[in-house]
Amino acid sequence: MTPAGTGPGDDASSLGAGRAARPARKQVLLRLDPAIHDAVARWAADDLRSVNAQIDLLLRRALKDAGRLPRDAAPARRPGRPPLPPD
């Protein structure tokens, strides 16, 4: 068994030709009350997002509203597939 992020397919070469490597995203185990998870899941479905993307959006909004969003934070990912690189 290999540690997370060191197995086959986890390096930049596995991203495909012409695609730049993105900075690694942190993985977090989050325990939620089932009712809270269900509410977030319904909200995410209404907005055509995954639960993970919805939680990311909510955390970013909360940090921005509190004046705590770091200036160097990566911009939120846009929905859909990333654009293809120019040929």
Protein backbone atom coordinates (compact mmCIF):
# COMPACT_ATOMS: atom_id res chain seq x y z
CA MET A 1 0.00 0.00 0.00
CA THR A 2 1.36 3.47 -0.88
CA PRO A 3 0.73 6.76 0.94
CA ALA A 4 -1.89 9.06 -0.56
CA GLY A 5 -0.58 11.05 -3.48
CA THR A 6 2.32 8.71 -4.24
CA GLY A 7 0.63 5.91 -6.13
CA PRO A 8 0.52 5.29 -9.85
CA GLY A 9 -1.35 7.99 -11.73
CA ASP A 10 -0.78 10.64 -9.05
CA ASP A 11 2.03 12.51 -10.78
CA ALA A 12 1.80 15.37 -13.27
CA SER A 13 2.59 13.03 -16.18
CA SER A 14 -0.75 11.27 -15.69
CA LEU A 15 -2.72 14.44 -16.43
CA GLY A 16 -2.42 13.97 -20.16
CA ALA A 17 -0.43 15.72 -22.82
CA GLY A 18 -0.51 19.49 -22.73
CA ARG A 19 -2.26 19.84 -19.38
CA ALA A 20 -0.55 21.77 -16.62
CA ALA A 21 -0.38 20.26 -13.14
CA ARG A 22 -2.61 21.95 -10.56
CA PRO A 23 -1.46 22.54 -7.01
CA ALA A 24 -2.49 19.74 -4.70
CA ARG A 25 -5.77 20.21 -2.87
CA LYS A 26 -6.04 19.28 0.80
CA GLN A 27 -8.21 16.33 1.75
CA VAL A 28 -10.24 16.66 4.94
CA LEU A 29 -12.37 14.15 6.76
CA LEU A 30 -15.53 16.00 7.77
CA ARG A 31 -18.15 14.58 10.12
CA LEU A 32 -21.58 16.09 9.66
CA ASP A 33 -24.94 15.58 11.25
CA PRO A 34 -26.97 13.54 8.73
CA ALA A 35 -29.67 16.21 8.55
CA ILE A 36 -27.04 18.88 7.75
CA HIS A 37 -25.50 16.67 5.07
CA ASP A 38 -28.93 16.03 3.52
CA ALA A 39 -29.69 19.77 3.47
CA VAL A 40 -26.32 20.58 1.86
CA ALA A 41 -26.80 17.75 -0.65
CA ARG A 42 -30.24 19.09 -1.66
CA TRP A 43 -28.82 22.63 -1.98
CA ALA A 44 -25.91 21.33 -4.05
CA ALA A 45 -28.27 19.42 -6.34
CA ASP A 46 -30.39 22.57 -6.83
CA ASP A 47 -27.22 24.45 -7.86
CA LEU A 48 -25.93 21.54 -10.01
CA ARG A 49 -22.86 21.10 -7.80
CA SER A 50 -21.35 18.22 -5.87
CA VAL A 51 -21.60 18.26 -2.08
CA ASN A 52 -17.84 18.85 -1.96
CA ALA A 53 -18.08 21.86 -4.30
CA GLN A 54 -21.01 23.25 -2.30
CA ILE A 55 -19.08 23.01 0.98
CA ASP A 56 -16.06 24.67 -0.67
CA LEU A 57 -18.31 27.50 -1.92
CA LEU A 58 -19.90 27.98 1.51
CA LEU A 59 -16.53 28.05 3.27
CA ARG A 60 -15.16 30.60 0.78
CA ARG A 61 -18.22 32.83 1.24
CA ALA A 62 -17.96 32.62 5.03
CA LEU A 63 -14.24 33.43 4.95
CA LYS A 64 -14.83 36.37 2.59
CA ASP A 65 -17.68 37.74 4.71
CA ALA A 66 -15.51 37.51 7.83
CA GLY A 67 -12.60 39.21 6.06
CA ARG A 68 -10.45 36.10 6.47
CA LEU A 69 -10.14 34.81 2.91
CA PRO A 70 -6.40 34.72 2.17
CA ARG A 71 -5.28 36.90 -0.73
CA ASP A 72 -3.27 34.04 -2.15
CA ALA A 73 -6.17 31.56 -2.10
CA ALA A 74 -6.68 29.85 -5.43
CA PRO A 75 -9.83 31.02 -7.20
CA ALA A 76 -12.85 28.78 -6.95
CA ARG A 77 -13.06 26.20 -9.68
CA ARG A 78 -15.57 26.92 -12.40
CA PRO A 79 -18.27 24.34 -13.06
CA GLY A 80 -17.88 21.95 -15.96
CA ARG A 81 -14.88 20.54 -17.73
CA PRO A 82 -11.67 22.54 -17.89
CA PRO A 83 -10.99 24.11 -21.29
CA LEU A 84 -8.79 22.19 -23.70
CA PRO A 85 -5.35 23.66 -24.30
CA PRO A 86 -4.87 25.42 -27.65
CA ASP A 87 -3.33 23.26 -30.38
